[in-house]
Amino acid sequence: MDIRQLKAFTAVFEERNITLAANRLHLSQPALSGTIKSLEDLLGAPLFIRQARGVAVTESARILYPQARRILSQTDAMAQQFRHGASGARIDIGIGPDIAVGQVAAFVCAVRSAVPALFVSLLEGCIGDARLAAEDERCEDELFLTLSLDPYVLAVPAGHGGDAALPWIVCPEHPTHQRLLPFYGAAANTPAAHAGSLRLALELTAAGFGGCAVPESLARGQAEVEVLPLDGLQLSRRIGLCYAVQSLEKPGVAKIVEWLRAAPAAADAAVPAR
């Protein structure tokens, strides 16, 4: 049994589809199928059952999967140690679409202070060994550790001052939209624009299209915008670390989670909302 076979097995197990697994590993489907067959022959047990769409996993596959993941994680950790120094480790952190740059920088500084030998690689989107994101962006199979609270504020174009009514720029697909409707009032029915993200709504506000309700950390970092309180509404989001249980197999992730759980107050102070 070799690493190549285990990588092929875990890819098919997680994708439940030979084609998708082959694309993920940059292999041809026949090559991947042959690798799986050689592993089944070695184990003396079938691992997958082909179906009209994808594959089903057998009980043998369910037993093998956590062991294969553990072996692959250990070999990856060894490779990272040599790549980044004998005492070092590396993790990939995905950054949510509406996380402020200041929060990212503070998080990385805090992590480096807590785990000095750790090399942190930042990626955009829902990828990586763990993610810095808002709690409402947490995936179904992820755990969440809070780092900071980020209150919502009213952002208006610079010079407006909030003295006159402004049309709203709203984000109908965002999880907070329904909670903001009482604040928008009837004007929500005739917004200046619909934005696909909080960051885009804020950029439209900076361009003078209207006002928007966004997290304070984002608003403070945007030029040409004034920040005002949301009168009559208290709303905030939790920013934190999203991670799956299996990601704890990576030493870097395990160290960060251990640090956060041991010193949540220090972590909260290290990653301010503003």
C-alpha atoms as a PDB file:
ATOM      1  CA  MET A   1       0.000   0.000   0.000  1.00  0.00           C
ATOM      2  CA  ASP A   2       1.457   3.390  -0.977  1.00  0.00           C
ATOM      3  CA  ILE A   3       0.610   7.097  -0.698  1.00  0.00           C
ATOM      4  CA  ARG A   4      -0.572   7.205  -4.318  1.00  0.00           C
ATOM      5  CA  GLN A   5      -3.206   4.557  -3.606  1.00  0.00           C
ATOM      6  CA  LEU A   6      -4.367   6.291  -0.424  1.00  0.00           C
ATOM      7  CA  LYS A   7      -4.705   9.649  -2.202  1.00  0.00           C
ATOM      8  CA  ALA A   8      -6.754   8.008  -4.939  1.00  0.00           C
ATOM      9  CA  PHE A   9      -8.945   6.259  -2.378  1.00  0.00           C
ATOM     10  CA  THR A  10      -9.638   9.380  -0.280  1.00  0.00           C
ATOM     11  CA  ALA A  11     -10.429  11.445  -3.379  1.00  0.00           C
ATOM     12  CA  VAL A  12     -13.037   8.944  -4.583  1.00  0.00           C
ATOM     13  CA  PHE A  13     -14.425   8.503  -1.054  1.00  0.00           C
ATOM     14  CA  GLU A  14     -14.893  12.264  -0.620  1.00  0.00           C
ATOM     15  CA  GLU A  15     -16.149  13.020  -4.125  1.00  0.00           C
ATOM     16  CA  ARG A  16     -18.294   9.858  -4.476  1.00  0.00           C
ATOM     17  CA  ASN A  17     -17.542  10.168  -8.168  1.00  0.00           C
ATOM     18  CA  ILE A  18     -14.691   8.740 -10.280  1.00  0.00           C
ATOM     19  CA  THR A  19     -14.716  11.608 -12.794  1.00  0.00           C
ATOM     20  CA  LEU A  20     -14.592  14.334 -10.152  1.00  0.00           C
ATOM     21  CA  ALA A  21     -11.889  12.493  -8.218  1.00  0.00           C
ATOM     22  CA  ALA A  22      -9.807  12.039 -11.372  1.00  0.00           C
ATOM     23  CA  ASN A  23     -10.083  15.764 -12.160  1.00  0.00           C
ATOM     24  CA  ARG A  24      -9.080  16.621  -8.611  1.00  0.00           C
ATOM     25  CA  LEU A  25      -5.958  14.439  -8.838  1.00  0.00           C
ATOM     26  CA  HIS A  26      -5.193  15.411 -12.456  1.00  0.00           C
ATOM     27  CA  LEU A  27      -5.421  11.768 -13.547  1.00  0.00           C
ATOM     28  CA  SER A  28      -7.289   9.979 -16.312  1.00  0.00           C
ATOM     29  CA  GLN A  29     -10.308   7.967 -15.204  1.00  0.00           C
ATOM     30  CA  PRO A  30      -8.763   4.624 -16.296  1.00  0.00           C
ATOM     31  CA  ALA A  31      -5.602   5.402 -14.319  1.00  0.00           C
ATOM     32  CA  LEU A  32      -7.595   6.241 -11.210  1.00  0.00           C
ATOM     33  CA  SER A  33      -9.814   3.172 -11.570  1.00  0.00           C
ATOM     34  CA  GLY A  34      -6.710   0.997 -11.965  1.00  0.00           C
ATOM     35  CA  THR A  35      -5.180   2.443  -8.796  1.00  0.00           C
ATOM     36  CA  ILE A  36      -8.361   1.769  -6.823  1.00  0.00           C
ATOM     37  CA  LYS A  37      -8.527  -1.764  -8.203  1.00  0.00           C
ATOM     38  CA  SER A  38      -4.924  -2.450  -7.139  1.00  0.00           C
ATOM     39  CA  LEU A  39      -5.726  -1.231  -3.626  1.00  0.00           C
ATOM     40  CA  GLU A  40      -8.845  -3.433  -3.460  1.00  0.00           C
ATOM     41  CA  ASP A  41      -6.795  -6.420  -4.606  1.00  0.00           C
ATOM     42  CA  LEU A  42      -4.196  -5.689  -1.938  1.00  0.00           C
ATOM     43  CA  LEU A  43      -6.810  -5.430   0.802  1.00  0.00           C
ATOM     44  CA  GLY A  44      -8.897  -8.310  -0.487  1.00  0.00           C
ATOM     45  CA  ALA A  45     -12.094  -6.291  -0.147  1.00  0.00           C
ATOM     46  CA  PRO A  46     -14.190  -4.044  -2.428  1.00  0.00           C
ATOM     47  CA  LEU A  47     -14.160  -0.342  -1.509  1.00  0.00           C
ATOM     48  CA  PHE A  48     -16.669   1.169  -3.930  1.00  0.00           C
ATOM     49  CA  ILE A  49     -19.790   0.064  -5.771  1.00  0.00           C
ATOM     50  CA  ARG A  50     -20.395   1.761  -9.117  1.00  0.00           C
ATOM     51  CA  GLN A  51     -23.837   3.262  -9.582  1.00  0.00           C
ATOM     52  CA  ALA A  52     -25.618   5.081 -12.392  1.00  0.00           C
ATOM     53  CA  ARG A  53     -24.376   8.344 -10.919  1.00  0.00           C
ATOM     54  CA  GLY A  54     -21.162   8.145  -8.960  1.00  0.00           C
ATOM     55  CA  VAL A  55     -20.174   5.411  -6.531  1.00  0.00           C
ATOM     56  CA  ALA A  56     -21.365   4.083  -3.180  1.00  0.00           C
ATOM     57  CA  VAL A  57     -18.883   3.301  -0.414  1.00  0.00           C
ATOM     58  CA  THR A  58     -18.639  -0.086   1.262  1.00  0.00           C
ATOM     59  CA  GLU A  59     -18.186  -0.800   4.963  1.00  0.00           C
ATOM     60  CA  SER A  60     -14.530  -1.576   4.268  1.00  0.00           C
ATOM     61  CA  ALA A  61     -14.117   1.884   2.759  1.00  0.00           C
ATOM     62  CA  ARG A  62     -15.680   3.504   5.826  1.00  0.00           C
ATOM     63  CA  ILE A  63     -13.200   1.682   8.054  1.00  0.00           C
ATOM     64  CA  LEU A  64     -10.233   2.568   5.861  1.00  0.00           C
ATOM     65  CA  TYR A  65     -11.057   6.266   5.344  1.00  0.00           C
ATOM     66  CA  PRO A  66     -10.093   7.722   8.779  1.00  0.00           C
ATOM     67  CA  GLN A  67      -6.881   5.664   8.774  1.00  0.00           C
ATOM     68  CA  ALA A  68      -5.993   6.847   5.267  1.00  0.00           C
ATOM     69  CA  ARG A  69      -6.669  10.469   6.220  1.00  0.00           C
ATOM     70  CA  ARG A  70      -4.433  10.151   9.261  1.00  0.00           C
ATOM     71  CA  ILE A  71      -1.551   8.653   7.251  1.00  0.00           C
ATOM     72  CA  LEU A  72      -1.821  11.327   4.539  1.00  0.00           C
ATOM     73  CA  SER A  73      -1.934  14.077   7.149  1.00  0.00           C
ATOM     74  CA  GLN A  74       1.195  12.723   8.832  1.00  0.00           C
ATOM     75  CA  THR A  75       3.133  12.488   5.580  1.00  0.00           C
ATOM     76  CA  ASP A  76       2.049  16.012   4.614  1.00  0.00           C
ATOM     77  CA  ALA A  77       3.165  17.338   8.002  1.00  0.00           C
ATOM     78  CA  MET A  78       6.584  15.715   7.548  1.00  0.00           C
ATOM     79  CA  ALA A  79       6.953  17.296   4.110  1.00  0.00           C
ATOM     80  CA  GLN A  80       6.002  20.716   5.483  1.00  0.00           C
ATOM     81  CA  GLN A  81       8.601  20.426   8.245  1.00  0.00           C
ATOM     82  CA  PHE A  82      11.396  19.993   5.703  1.00  0.00           C
ATOM     83  CA  ARG A  83       9.952  22.658   3.417  1.00  0.00           C
ATOM     84  CA  HIS A  84       9.678  25.334   6.104  1.00  0.00           C
ATOM     85  CA  GLY A  85      12.336  24.258   8.571  1.00  0.00           C
ATOM     86  CA  ALA A  86      12.709  21.337  10.901  1.00  0.00           C
ATOM     87  CA  SER A  87      10.555  22.947  13.606  1.00  0.00           C
ATOM     88  CA  GLY A  88       8.060  24.631  11.284  1.00  0.00           C
ATOM     89  CA  ALA A  89       4.601  23.802   9.995  1.00  0.00           C
ATOM     90  CA  ARG A  90       2.285  25.338   7.423  1.00  0.00           C
ATOM     91  CA  ILE A  91      -1.455  25.808   7.176  1.00  0.00           C
ATOM     92  CA  ASP A  92      -3.695  27.327   4.509  1.00  0.00           C
ATOM     93  CA  ILE A  93      -6.307  29.762   5.851  1.00  0.00           C
ATOM     94  CA  GLY A  94      -9.265  30.688   3.664  1.00  0.00           C
ATOM     95  CA  ILE A  95     -10.550  34.255   4.052  1.00  0.00           C
ATOM     96  CA  GLY A  96     -14.275  34.977   3.871  1.00  0.00           C
ATOM     97  CA  PRO A  97     -15.425  37.466   1.215  1.00  0.00           C
ATOM     98  CA  ASP A  98     -16.450  40.214   3.664  1.00  0.00           C
ATOM     99  CA  ILE A  99     -13.621  40.025   6.192  1.00  0.00           C
ATOM    100  CA  ALA A 100     -11.776  43.323   6.669  1.00  0.00           C
ATOM    101  CA  VAL A 101      -8.067  43.509   5.881  1.00  0.00           C
ATOM    102  CA  GLY A 102      -7.361  44.762   9.389  1.00  0.00           C
ATOM    103  CA  GLN A 103      -8.965  41.671  10.892  1.00  0.00           C
ATOM    104  CA  VAL A 104      -6.898  39.402   8.660  1.00  0.00           C
ATOM    105  CA  ALA A 105      -3.664  41.153   9.594  1.00  0.00           C
ATOM    106  CA  ALA A 106      -4.485  41.064  13.316  1.00  0.00           C
ATOM    107  CA  PHE A 107      -5.361  37.363  13.120  1.00  0.00           C
ATOM    108  CA  VAL A 108      -2.093  36.465  11.381  1.00  0.00           C
ATOM    109  CA  CYS A 109      -0.064  38.492  13.901  1.00  0.00           C
ATOM    110  CA  ALA A 110      -1.872  36.821  16.797  1.00  0.00           C
ATOM    111  CA  VAL A 111      -1.328  33.340  15.350  1.00  0.00           C
ATOM    112  CA  ARG A 112       2.359  33.975  14.725  1.00  0.00           C
ATOM    113  CA  SER A 113       2.737  35.213  18.284  1.00  0.00           C
ATOM    114  CA  ALA A 114       1.013  32.114  19.670  1.00  0.00           C
ATOM    115  CA  VAL A 115       2.685  29.612  17.309  1.00  0.00           C
ATOM    116  CA  PRO A 116       5.969  31.256  16.180  1.00  0.00           C
ATOM    117  CA  ALA A 117       7.114  28.418  13.903  1.00  0.00           C
ATOM    118  CA  LEU A 118       3.863  28.361  11.927  1.00  0.00           C
ATOM    119  CA  PHE A 119       3.828  29.483   8.281  1.00  0.00           C
ATOM    120  CA  VAL A 120       0.375  30.846   7.364  1.00  0.00           C
ATOM    121  CA  SER A 121      -0.711  30.896   3.726  1.00  0.00           C
ATOM    122  CA  LEU A 122      -3.793  33.063   3.030  1.00  0.00           C
ATOM    123  CA  LEU A 123      -6.284  32.085   0.334  1.00  0.00           C
ATOM    124  CA  GLU A 124      -9.492  33.720  -0.861  1.00  0.00           C
ATOM    125  CA  GLY A 125     -12.761  31.858  -0.535  1.00  0.00           C
ATOM    126  CA  CYS A 126     -14.192  28.761   1.123  1.00  0.00           C
ATOM    127  CA  ILE A 127     -10.963  26.719   0.974  1.00  0.00           C
ATOM    128  CA  GLY A 128      -7.975  25.890   3.151  1.00  0.00           C
ATOM    129  CA  ASP A 129      -7.295  23.877   6.288  1.00  0.00           C
ATOM    130  CA  ALA A 130      -9.406  26.379   8.266  1.00  0.00           C
ATOM    131  CA  ARG A 131     -11.115  29.682   7.509  1.00  0.00           C
ATOM    132  CA  LEU A 132     -11.400  33.161   8.980  1.00  0.00           C
ATOM    133  CA  ALA A 133     -15.037  34.017   8.394  1.00  0.00           C
ATOM    134  CA  ALA A 134     -18.296  35.221   9.902  1.00  0.00           C
ATOM    135  CA  GLU A 135     -20.257  32.645  11.870  1.00  0.00           C
ATOM    136  CA  ASP A 136     -23.178  32.792   9.425  1.00  0.00           C
ATOM    137  CA  GLU A 137     -20.767  31.620   6.686  1.00  0.00           C
ATOM    138  CA  ARG A 138     -19.896  28.442   8.606  1.00  0.00           C
ATOM    139  CA  CYS A 139     -20.413  25.243   6.618  1.00  0.00           C
ATOM    140  CA  GLU A 140     -22.658  22.512   7.987  1.00  0.00           C
ATOM    141  CA  ASP A 141     -19.809  20.187   8.979  1.00  0.00           C
ATOM    142  CA  GLU A 142     -17.590  22.891  10.519  1.00  0.00           C
ATOM    143  CA  LEU A 143     -16.954  23.945  14.104  1.00  0.00           C
ATOM    144  CA  PHE A 144     -16.606  27.638  15.001  1.00  0.00           C
ATOM    145  CA  LEU A 145     -14.440  29.513  17.521  1.00  0.00           C
ATOM    146  CA  THR A 146     -15.304  33.183  18.077  1.00  0.00           C
ATOM    147  CA  LEU A 147     -12.468  35.709  17.796  1.00  0.00           C
ATOM    148  CA  SER A 148     -14.346  39.028  17.872  1.00  0.00           C
ATOM    149  CA  LEU A 149     -17.727  40.735  17.701  1.00  0.00           C
ATOM    150  CA  ASP A 150     -18.238  43.122  14.791  1.00  0.00           C
ATOM    151  CA  PRO A 151     -21.198  45.547  15.192  1.00  0.00           C
ATOM    152  CA  TYR A 152     -23.169  46.768  12.195  1.00  0.00           C
ATOM    153  CA  VAL A 153     -23.222  50.482  11.419  1.00  0.00           C
ATOM    154  CA  LEU A 154     -24.787  52.810   8.876  1.00  0.00           C
ATOM    155  CA  ALA A 155     -22.390  53.797   6.086  1.00  0.00           C
ATOM    156  CA  VAL A 156     -23.186  56.915   4.049  1.00  0.00           C
ATOM    157  CA  PRO A 157     -21.231  58.789   1.365  1.00  0.00           C
ATOM    158  CA  ALA A 158     -18.634  61.201   2.773  1.00  0.00           C
ATOM    159  CA  GLY A 159     -20.114  64.652   3.331  1.00  0.00           C
ATOM    160  CA  HIS A 160     -23.683  63.414   3.588  1.00  0.00           C
ATOM    161  CA  GLY A 161     -23.827  63.516   7.362  1.00  0.00           C
ATOM    162  CA  GLY A 162     -27.080  61.563   7.610  1.00  0.00           C
ATOM    163  CA  ASP A 163     -29.265  64.682   7.582  1.00  0.00           C
ATOM    164  CA  ALA A 164     -31.338  63.701   4.558  1.00  0.00           C
ATOM    165  CA  ALA A 165     -32.891  60.424   3.466  1.00  0.00           C
ATOM    166  CA  LEU A 166     -30.792  58.188   1.261  1.00  0.00           C
ATOM    167  CA  PRO A 167     -31.854  55.294  -0.959  1.00  0.00           C
ATOM    168  CA  TRP A 168     -30.646  51.938   0.338  1.00  0.00           C
ATOM    169  CA  ILE A 169     -28.122  49.574  -1.165  1.00  0.00           C
ATOM    170  CA  VAL A 170     -29.215  46.149   0.083  1.00  0.00           C
ATOM    171  CA  CYS A 171     -27.851  42.583  -0.050  1.00  0.00           C
ATOM    172  CA  PRO A 172     -30.930  40.337  -0.393  1.00  0.00           C
ATOM    173  CA  GLU A 173     -28.883  37.106  -0.396  1.00  0.00           C
ATOM    174  CA  HIS A 174     -26.943  37.925   2.759  1.00  0.00           C
ATOM    175  CA  PRO A 175     -28.042  36.146   5.988  1.00  0.00           C
ATOM    176  CA  THR A 176     -28.600  39.474   7.797  1.00  0.00           C
ATOM    177  CA  HIS A 177     -30.959  40.936   5.194  1.00  0.00           C
ATOM    178  CA  GLN A 178     -34.191  39.851   6.899  1.00  0.00           C
ATOM    179  CA  ARG A 179     -33.012  41.209  10.245  1.00  0.00           C
ATOM    180  CA  LEU A 180     -32.302  44.590   8.637  1.00  0.00           C
ATOM    181  CA  LEU A 181     -35.703  44.992   6.985  1.00  0.00           C
ATOM    182  CA  PRO A 182     -37.270  46.769  10.015  1.00  0.00           C
ATOM    183  CA  PHE A 183     -34.435  49.303   9.868  1.00  0.00           C
ATOM    184  CA  TYR A 184     -34.838  49.868   6.123  1.00  0.00           C
ATOM    185  CA  GLY A 185     -38.597  50.268   6.442  1.00  0.00           C
ATOM    186  CA  ALA A 186     -40.693  50.835   3.322  1.00  0.00           C
ATOM    187  CA  ALA A 187     -37.633  52.172   1.498  1.00  0.00           C
ATOM    188  CA  ALA A 188     -36.396  48.572   1.195  1.00  0.00           C
ATOM    189  CA  ASN A 189     -38.964  48.104  -1.579  1.00  0.00           C
ATOM    190  CA  THR A 190     -37.255  50.720  -3.778  1.00  0.00           C
ATOM    191  CA  PRO A 191     -33.509  50.332  -3.132  1.00  0.00           C
ATOM    192  CA  ALA A 192     -30.846  52.139  -5.108  1.00  0.00           C
ATOM    193  CA  ALA A 193     -29.230  48.793  -5.901  1.00  0.00           C
ATOM    194  CA  HIS A 194     -28.929  45.139  -4.948  1.00  0.00           C
ATOM    195  CA  ALA A 195     -25.365  44.111  -4.057  1.00  0.00           C
ATOM    196  CA  GLY A 196     -23.992  40.587  -4.062  1.00  0.00           C
ATOM    197  CA  SER A 197     -21.749  41.210  -1.049  1.00  0.00           C
ATOM    198  CA  LEU A 198     -21.333  43.615   1.849  1.00  0.00           C
ATOM    199  CA  ARG A 199     -18.049  44.806   0.405  1.00  0.00           C
ATOM    200  CA  LEU A 200     -19.688  45.668  -2.932  1.00  0.00           C
ATOM    201  CA  ALA A 201     -22.510  47.502  -1.144  1.00  0.00           C
ATOM    202  CA  LEU A 202     -19.915  49.570   0.686  1.00  0.00           C
ATOM    203  CA  GLU A 203     -18.074  50.416  -2.533  1.00  0.00           C
ATOM    204  CA  LEU A 204     -21.339  51.594  -4.090  1.00  0.00           C
ATOM    205  CA  THR A 205     -21.931  53.774  -1.034  1.00  0.00           C
ATOM    206  CA  ALA A 206     -18.454  55.281  -1.413  1.00  0.00           C
ATOM    207  CA  ALA A 207     -19.367  56.078  -5.026  1.00  0.00           C
ATOM    208  CA  GLY A 208     -22.427  58.005  -3.813  1.00  0.00           C
ATOM    209  CA  PHE A 209     -25.203  55.603  -4.865  1.00  0.00           C
ATOM    210  CA  GLY A 210     -26.823  55.387  -1.419  1.00  0.00           C
ATOM    211  CA  GLY A 211     -26.425  54.193   2.152  1.00  0.00           C
ATOM    212  CA  CYS A 212     -25.913  50.667   3.469  1.00  0.00           C
ATOM    213  CA  ALA A 213     -25.803  48.757   6.743  1.00  0.00           C
ATOM    214  CA  VAL A 214     -22.492  46.909   7.037  1.00  0.00           C
ATOM    215  CA  PRO A 215     -20.090  45.628   9.709  1.00  0.00           C
ATOM    216  CA  GLU A 216     -18.040  48.394  11.305  1.00  0.00           C
ATOM    217  CA  SER A 217     -14.727  46.706  10.470  1.00  0.00           C
ATOM    218  CA  LEU A 218     -15.493  47.032   6.763  1.00  0.00           C
ATOM    219  CA  ALA A 219     -16.881  50.556   6.952  1.00  0.00           C
ATOM    220  CA  ARG A 220     -13.876  51.925   8.873  1.00  0.00           C
ATOM    221  CA  GLY A 221     -11.541  50.698   6.165  1.00  0.00           C
ATOM    222  CA  GLN A 222     -13.396  52.285   3.243  1.00  0.00           C
ATOM    223  CA  ALA A 223     -12.414  55.764   2.074  1.00  0.00           C
ATOM    224  CA  GLU A 224     -15.107  58.276   1.099  1.00  0.00           C
ATOM    225  CA  VAL A 225     -17.553  56.838   3.637  1.00  0.00           C
ATOM    226  CA  GLU A 226     -18.909  58.207   6.913  1.00  0.00           C
ATOM    227  CA  VAL A 227     -19.895  55.840   9.723  1.00  0.00           C
ATOM    228  CA  LEU A 228     -23.055  56.433  11.772  1.00  0.00           C
ATOM    229  CA  PRO A 229     -24.898  54.298  14.364  1.00  0.00           C
ATOM    230  CA  LEU A 230     -27.866  52.164  13.359  1.00  0.00           C
ATOM    231  CA  ASP A 231     -30.577  54.020  15.298  1.00  0.00           C
ATOM    232  CA  GLY A 232     -32.994  51.665  17.016  1.00  0.00           C
ATOM    233  CA  LEU A 233     -31.246  48.455  15.958  1.00  0.00           C
ATOM    234  CA  GLN A 234     -28.440  46.510  17.602  1.00  0.00           C
ATOM    235  CA  LEU A 235     -26.921  44.010  15.200  1.00  0.00           C
ATOM    236  CA  SER A 236     -23.488  42.397  15.145  1.00  0.00           C
ATOM    237  CA  ARG A 237     -21.702  39.440  13.611  1.00  0.00           C
ATOM    238  CA  ARG A 238     -19.196  37.021  15.096  1.00  0.00           C
ATOM    239  CA  ILE A 239     -15.842  36.687  13.352  1.00  0.00           C
ATOM    240  CA  GLY A 240     -13.909  33.526  14.053  1.00  0.00           C
ATOM    241  CA  LEU A 241     -12.181  30.371  12.937  1.00  0.00           C
ATOM    242  CA  CYS A 242     -14.194  27.816  10.949  1.00  0.00           C
ATOM    243  CA  TYR A 243     -12.682  24.325  10.851  1.00  0.00           C
ATOM    244  CA  ALA A 244     -13.678  20.712  10.283  1.00  0.00           C
ATOM    245  CA  VAL A 245     -12.850  17.984  12.807  1.00  0.00           C
ATOM    246  CA  GLN A 246     -10.518  16.231  10.366  1.00  0.00           C
ATOM    247  CA  SER A 247      -8.470  19.410   9.918  1.00  0.00           C
ATOM    248  CA  LEU A 248      -7.241  18.937  13.492  1.00  0.00           C
ATOM    249  CA  GLU A 249      -5.018  16.199  12.089  1.00  0.00           C
ATOM    250  CA  LYS A 250      -2.810  19.039  10.830  1.00  0.00           C
ATOM    251  CA  PRO A 251      -0.468  20.125  13.640  1.00  0.00           C
ATOM    252  CA  GLY A 252      -0.781  23.800  12.716  1.00  0.00           C
ATOM    253  CA  VAL A 253      -4.583  23.830  12.940  1.00  0.00           C
ATOM    254  CA  ALA A 254      -4.533  21.815  16.168  1.00  0.00           C
ATOM    255  CA  LYS A 255      -2.096  24.295  17.753  1.00  0.00           C
ATOM    256  CA  ILE A 256      -4.213  27.321  16.776  1.00  0.00           C
ATOM    257  CA  VAL A 257      -7.421  25.729  18.081  1.00  0.00           C
ATOM    258  CA  GLU A 258      -5.694  24.711  21.310  1.00  0.00           C
ATOM    259  CA  TRP A 259      -4.439  28.278  21.776  1.00  0.00           C
ATOM    260  CA  LEU A 260      -7.855  29.806  21.101  1.00  0.00           C
ATOM    261  CA  ARG A 261      -9.591  27.468  23.533  1.00  0.00           C
ATOM    262  CA  ALA A 262      -6.977  28.068  26.243  1.00  0.00           C
ATOM    263  CA  ALA A 263      -6.954  31.861  25.952  1.00  0.00           C
ATOM    264  CA  PRO A 264     -10.180  33.119  24.304  1.00  0.00           C
ATOM    265  CA  ALA A 265      -9.951  36.520  25.986  1.00  0.00           C
ATOM    266  CA  ALA A 266      -6.429  37.089  24.677  1.00  0.00           C
ATOM    267  CA  ALA A 267      -7.472  35.978  21.194  1.00  0.00           C
ATOM    268  CA  ASP A 268     -10.453  38.349  21.245  1.00  0.00           C
ATOM    269  CA  ALA A 269      -8.206  41.258  22.204  1.00  0.00           C
ATOM    270  CA  ALA A 270      -5.702  40.328  19.478  1.00  0.00           C
ATOM    271  CA  VAL A 271      -8.328  40.435  16.698  1.00  0.00           C
ATOM    272  CA  PRO A 272     -10.305  43.647  17.161  1.00  0.00           C
ATOM    273  CA  ALA A 273     -13.518  44.302  15.250  1.00  0.00           C
ATOM    274  CA  ARG A 274     -12.252  47.635  13.965  1.00  0.00           C
END
